[in-house]
Amino acid sequence: MAKLMICFVHRDDANRVVSALQESELRVTELRSEGGFLRAGNSTLLLGLEDAQVELALGVIDRNCQRRTEQVPIDLLGGMDAAWIPTEVTHGGATVLVLPIESVHHF
């Protein structure tokens, strides 16, 4: 059965991940996106895979993504006179969804 892999990757990792997937002869479509708590830029990668390719794709993604830690100011009081304190936030890496595909049609 075929699978659809949807992978959300940090912007700084996207080019490396896409290149590595292509070098592994996996087809990938990249969509630039933004989201999450930090409104950080990322890419949504779409891959159509056979069951046997899923572990290969996951390994490539794992080896080419990294988590990052950065200081983010947190608004304690709200509004113009807010007290801001830096808070360490870990983000990045990849979030991967693997979904079954019922059928594929080419037109």
N, C-alpha and C. Protein backbone atom coordinates (compact mmCIF):
# COMPACT_ATOMS: atom_id res chain seq x y z
N MET A 1 0.86 -1.18 0.00
CA MET A 1 0.00 0.00 0.00
C MET A 1 0.90 1.24 0.00
N ALA A 2 0.46 2.28 -0.64
CA ALA A 2 1.21 3.54 -0.71
C ALA A 2 0.94 4.39 0.53
N LYS A 3 1.87 5.28 0.80
CA LYS A 3 1.76 6.19 1.95
C LYS A 3 1.98 7.62 1.48
N LEU A 4 1.34 8.55 2.17
CA LEU A 4 1.61 9.97 2.01
C LEU A 4 2.31 10.42 3.27
N MET A 5 3.53 10.96 3.11
CA MET A 5 4.27 11.48 4.24
C MET A 5 4.20 13.00 4.17
N ILE A 6 3.76 13.60 5.27
CA ILE A 6 3.72 15.06 5.39
C ILE A 6 4.71 15.40 6.49
N CYS A 7 5.68 16.24 6.14
CA CYS A 7 6.77 16.52 7.06
C CYS A 7 6.91 18.03 7.22
N PHE A 8 6.85 18.51 8.44
CA PHE A 8 7.02 19.93 8.75
C PHE A 8 8.45 20.12 9.25
N VAL A 9 9.25 20.90 8.50
CA VAL A 9 10.68 21.03 8.75
C VAL A 9 11.04 22.49 8.94
N HIS A 10 11.93 22.79 9.88
CA HIS A 10 12.41 24.16 10.10
C HIS A 10 13.06 24.70 8.84
N ARG A 11 12.86 25.98 8.57
CA ARG A 11 13.38 26.65 7.38
C ARG A 11 14.88 26.41 7.19
N ASP A 12 15.65 26.44 8.28
CA ASP A 12 17.10 26.28 8.19
C ASP A 12 17.52 24.87 7.77
N ASP A 13 16.63 23.89 7.93
CA ASP A 13 16.94 22.50 7.57
C ASP A 13 16.36 22.09 6.22
N ALA A 14 15.42 22.86 5.69
CA ALA A 14 14.63 22.43 4.54
C ALA A 14 15.48 22.09 3.32
N ASN A 15 16.41 22.95 2.93
CA ASN A 15 17.21 22.68 1.72
C ASN A 15 18.02 21.41 1.87
N ARG A 16 18.62 21.21 3.04
CA ARG A 16 19.43 20.03 3.29
C ARG A 16 18.57 18.76 3.25
N VAL A 17 17.37 18.82 3.84
CA VAL A 17 16.49 17.66 3.86
C VAL A 17 16.02 17.32 2.45
N VAL A 18 15.58 18.32 1.71
CA VAL A 18 15.10 18.09 0.34
C VAL A 18 16.21 17.49 -0.52
N SER A 19 17.40 18.05 -0.44
CA SER A 19 18.53 17.51 -1.22
C SER A 19 18.83 16.06 -0.85
N ALA A 20 18.83 15.77 0.44
CA ALA A 20 19.12 14.40 0.89
C ALA A 20 18.04 13.43 0.45
N LEU A 21 16.78 13.85 0.49
CA LEU A 21 15.69 12.99 0.02
C LEU A 21 15.85 12.71 -1.47
N GLN A 22 16.17 13.75 -2.25
CA GLN A 22 16.35 13.58 -3.69
C GLN A 22 17.55 12.67 -3.99
N GLU A 23 18.65 12.82 -3.23
CA GLU A 23 19.82 11.96 -3.40
C GLU A 23 19.49 10.50 -3.09
N SER A 24 18.49 10.29 -2.25
CA SER A 24 18.05 8.93 -1.92
C SER A 24 17.00 8.44 -2.92
N GLU A 25 16.82 9.20 -3.99
CA GLU A 25 15.89 8.88 -5.07
C GLU A 25 14.43 8.84 -4.60
N LEU A 26 14.11 9.72 -3.65
CA LEU A 26 12.74 9.89 -3.20
C LEU A 26 12.21 11.20 -3.78
N ARG A 27 11.00 11.17 -4.25
CA ARG A 27 10.39 12.37 -4.81
C ARG A 27 9.77 13.18 -3.69
N VAL A 28 9.98 14.49 -3.73
CA VAL A 28 9.48 15.35 -2.66
C VAL A 28 8.98 16.66 -3.25
N THR A 29 7.89 17.16 -2.71
CA THR A 29 7.36 18.48 -3.05
C THR A 29 7.47 19.35 -1.82
N GLU A 30 8.04 20.56 -1.98
CA GLU A 30 8.24 21.47 -0.86
C GLU A 30 7.28 22.65 -0.97
N LEU A 31 6.59 22.93 0.12
CA LEU A 31 5.71 24.09 0.23
C LEU A 31 6.23 24.95 1.36
N ARG A 32 6.54 26.22 1.09
CA ARG A 32 6.99 27.13 2.14
C ARG A 32 5.78 27.44 3.03
N SER A 33 5.99 27.45 4.34
CA SER A 33 4.89 27.68 5.27
C SER A 33 5.40 28.40 6.50
N GLU A 34 4.48 28.74 7.37
CA GLU A 34 4.82 29.44 8.62
C GLU A 34 3.84 28.97 9.67
N GLY A 35 4.33 28.86 10.90
CA GLY A 35 3.38 28.47 11.94
C GLY A 35 4.07 28.16 13.24
N GLY A 36 3.27 27.63 14.15
CA GLY A 36 3.78 27.27 15.46
C GLY A 36 3.79 28.45 16.40
N PHE A 37 4.21 28.17 17.60
CA PHE A 37 4.23 29.16 18.68
C PHE A 37 5.07 30.38 18.33
N LEU A 38 6.22 30.16 17.66
CA LEU A 38 7.13 31.25 17.34
C LEU A 38 6.86 31.87 15.98
N ARG A 39 5.84 31.38 15.28
CA ARG A 39 5.53 31.86 13.93
C ARG A 39 6.76 31.74 13.04
N ALA A 40 7.55 30.72 13.25
CA ALA A 40 8.80 30.51 12.53
C ALA A 40 8.52 30.01 11.12
N GLY A 41 9.40 30.38 10.20
CA GLY A 41 9.29 29.88 8.84
C GLY A 41 9.67 28.41 8.80
N ASN A 42 8.94 27.66 8.01
CA ASN A 42 9.25 26.26 7.83
C ASN A 42 8.84 25.83 6.45
N SER A 43 9.07 24.60 6.14
CA SER A 43 8.62 24.01 4.89
C SER A 43 7.79 22.79 5.21
N THR A 44 6.74 22.61 4.43
CA THR A 44 5.94 21.40 4.50
C THR A 44 6.36 20.55 3.32
N LEU A 45 6.86 19.36 3.60
CA LEU A 45 7.32 18.46 2.56
C LEU A 45 6.28 17.36 2.36
N LEU A 46 5.96 17.08 1.11
CA LEU A 46 5.02 16.02 0.77
C LEU A 46 5.75 14.95 -0.02
N LEU A 47 5.61 13.70 0.42
CA LEU A 47 6.25 12.58 -0.26
C LEU A 47 5.23 11.49 -0.47
N GLY A 48 5.14 10.98 -1.68
CA GLY A 48 4.37 9.78 -1.98
C GLY A 48 5.32 8.61 -1.94
N LEU A 49 5.06 7.63 -1.07
CA LEU A 49 6.01 6.54 -0.84
C LEU A 49 5.34 5.18 -0.90
N GLU A 50 6.14 4.19 -1.26
CA GLU A 50 5.74 2.80 -1.08
C GLU A 50 6.06 2.44 0.36
N ASP A 51 5.42 1.42 0.89
CA ASP A 51 5.66 1.01 2.28
C ASP A 51 7.14 0.82 2.57
N ALA A 52 7.86 0.22 1.64
CA ALA A 52 9.27 -0.09 1.85
C ALA A 52 10.16 1.15 1.90
N GLN A 53 9.67 2.29 1.45
CA GLN A 53 10.45 3.53 1.43
C GLN A 53 10.27 4.38 2.69
N VAL A 54 9.29 4.06 3.51
CA VAL A 54 8.97 4.89 4.68
C VAL A 54 10.15 4.99 5.63
N GLU A 55 10.76 3.88 6.01
CA GLU A 55 11.89 3.90 6.95
C GLU A 55 13.08 4.66 6.37
N LEU A 56 13.34 4.51 5.07
CA LEU A 56 14.42 5.26 4.41
C LEU A 56 14.17 6.76 4.54
N ALA A 57 12.95 7.20 4.23
CA ALA A 57 12.62 8.63 4.30
C ALA A 57 12.73 9.15 5.73
N LEU A 58 12.24 8.38 6.70
CA LEU A 58 12.33 8.81 8.10
C LEU A 58 13.79 8.95 8.54
N GLY A 59 14.64 8.03 8.12
CA GLY A 59 16.05 8.11 8.47
C GLY A 59 16.73 9.33 7.87
N VAL A 60 16.42 9.62 6.61
CA VAL A 60 16.99 10.81 5.94
C VAL A 60 16.55 12.08 6.67
N ILE A 61 15.28 12.16 7.01
CA ILE A 61 14.76 13.34 7.71
C ILE A 61 15.42 13.47 9.08
N ASP A 62 15.52 12.38 9.81
CA ASP A 62 16.13 12.39 11.15
C ASP A 62 17.58 12.87 11.10
N ARG A 63 18.34 12.40 10.13
CA ARG A 63 19.76 12.76 10.03
C ARG A 63 19.99 14.20 9.59
N ASN A 64 18.98 14.83 8.97
CA ASN A 64 19.19 16.15 8.38
C ASN A 64 18.40 17.27 9.04
N CYS A 65 17.76 16.99 10.16
CA CYS A 65 17.03 18.01 10.92
C CYS A 65 17.62 18.12 12.31
N GLN A 66 17.56 19.31 12.88
CA GLN A 66 18.05 19.47 14.25
C GLN A 66 17.11 20.37 15.03
N ARG A 67 17.04 20.11 16.32
CA ARG A 67 16.26 20.96 17.21
C ARG A 67 17.13 22.12 17.64
N ARG A 68 16.54 23.27 17.88
CA ARG A 68 17.26 24.47 18.26
C ARG A 68 16.66 25.03 19.54
N THR A 69 17.51 25.71 20.30
CA THR A 69 17.06 26.38 21.51
C THR A 69 17.36 27.86 21.34
N GLU A 70 16.37 28.70 21.64
CA GLU A 70 16.59 30.14 21.57
C GLU A 70 15.85 30.85 22.69
N GLN A 71 16.32 32.04 22.99
CA GLN A 71 15.69 32.87 24.01
C GLN A 71 14.54 33.66 23.39
N VAL A 72 13.37 33.57 23.98
CA VAL A 72 12.19 34.26 23.49
C VAL A 72 11.63 35.10 24.62
N PRO A 73 11.35 36.40 24.37
CA PRO A 73 10.76 37.21 25.44
C PRO A 73 9.30 36.82 25.67
N ILE A 74 8.95 36.66 26.90
CA ILE A 74 7.57 36.33 27.27
C ILE A 74 6.96 37.55 27.97
N ASP A 75 5.80 37.95 27.52
CA ASP A 75 5.08 39.09 28.06
C ASP A 75 4.36 38.64 29.33
N LEU A 76 4.83 39.10 30.49
CA LEU A 76 4.24 38.68 31.75
C LEU A 76 2.96 39.43 32.11
N LEU A 77 2.88 40.71 31.79
CA LEU A 77 1.76 41.51 32.23
C LEU A 77 0.79 41.88 31.12
N GLY A 78 1.23 41.84 29.89
CA GLY A 78 0.39 42.22 28.76
C GLY A 78 0.34 43.73 28.60
N GLY A 79 0.18 44.17 27.39
CA GLY A 79 0.04 45.61 27.13
C GLY A 79 1.38 46.32 26.98
N MET A 80 1.31 47.66 26.88
CA MET A 80 2.45 48.50 26.59
C MET A 80 3.50 48.50 27.71
N ASP A 81 3.09 48.38 28.97
CA ASP A 81 4.01 48.44 30.09
C ASP A 81 4.39 47.04 30.58
N ALA A 82 4.39 46.12 29.68
CA ALA A 82 4.62 44.72 30.05
C ALA A 82 6.04 44.50 30.55
N ALA A 83 6.18 43.55 31.43
CA ALA A 83 7.50 43.11 31.88
C ALA A 83 7.87 41.90 31.03
N TRP A 84 8.99 42.00 30.36
CA TRP A 84 9.43 40.93 29.48
C TRP A 84 10.56 40.16 30.15
N ILE A 85 10.47 38.86 30.14
CA ILE A 85 11.58 38.04 30.62
C ILE A 85 11.94 37.05 29.50
N PRO A 86 13.23 36.78 29.34
CA PRO A 86 13.60 35.79 28.31
C PRO A 86 13.29 34.38 28.80
N THR A 87 12.75 33.58 27.92
CA THR A 87 12.43 32.20 28.22
C THR A 87 13.05 31.33 27.14
N GLU A 88 13.68 30.27 27.53
CA GLU A 88 14.31 29.37 26.57
C GLU A 88 13.27 28.43 25.98
N VAL A 89 13.24 28.39 24.64
CA VAL A 89 12.27 27.57 23.92
C VAL A 89 13.03 26.66 22.96
N THR A 90 12.68 25.39 22.94
CA THR A 90 13.26 24.44 21.99
C THR A 90 12.28 24.25 20.85
N HIS A 91 12.78 24.36 19.63
CA HIS A 91 11.92 24.20 18.46
C HIS A 91 12.76 23.65 17.32
N GLY A 92 12.14 23.50 16.18
CA GLY A 92 12.84 22.99 15.01
C GLY A 92 12.70 21.48 14.93
N GLY A 93 13.67 20.86 14.28
CA GLY A 93 13.55 19.43 14.05
C GLY A 93 12.50 19.18 12.99
N ALA A 94 11.80 18.11 13.10
CA ALA A 94 10.76 17.78 12.12
C ALA A 94 9.60 17.10 12.81
N THR A 95 8.42 17.36 12.31
CA THR A 95 7.23 16.64 12.70
C THR A 95 6.73 15.92 11.46
N VAL A 96 6.55 14.61 11.56
CA VAL A 96 6.23 13.81 10.38
C VAL A 96 4.92 13.05 10.60
N LEU A 97 4.05 13.14 9.61
CA LEU A 97 2.80 12.37 9.59
C LEU A 97 2.89 11.38 8.44
N VAL A 98 2.52 10.13 8.68
CA VAL A 98 2.50 9.12 7.62
C VAL A 98 1.06 8.61 7.52
N LEU A 99 0.47 8.78 6.34
CA LEU A 99 -0.94 8.44 6.14
C LEU A 99 -1.08 7.40 5.02
N PRO A 100 -2.03 6.50 5.15
CA PRO A 100 -2.27 5.54 4.06
C PRO A 100 -2.93 6.24 2.88
N ILE A 101 -2.60 5.80 1.68
CA ILE A 101 -3.24 6.31 0.46
C ILE A 101 -4.14 5.21 -0.08
N GLU A 102 -5.39 5.54 -0.27
CA GLU A 102 -6.34 4.55 -0.77
C GLU A 102 -6.15 4.28 -2.26
N SER A 103 -5.90 5.34 -3.03
CA SER A 103 -5.65 5.17 -4.46
C SER A 103 -4.88 6.36 -5.01
N VAL A 104 -4.24 6.15 -6.15
CA VAL A 104 -3.48 7.20 -6.83
C VAL A 104 -3.96 7.29 -8.27
N HIS A 105 -4.22 8.49 -8.73
CA HIS A 105 -4.68 8.69 -10.11
C HIS A 105 -3.75 9.68 -10.78
N HIS A 106 -3.36 9.40 -12.01
CA HIS A 106 -2.55 10.33 -12.81
C HIS A 106 -3.38 10.76 -14.01
N PHE A 107 -3.47 12.06 -14.25
CA PHE A 107 -4.24 12.57 -15.38
C PHE A 107 -3.36 13.39 -16.29
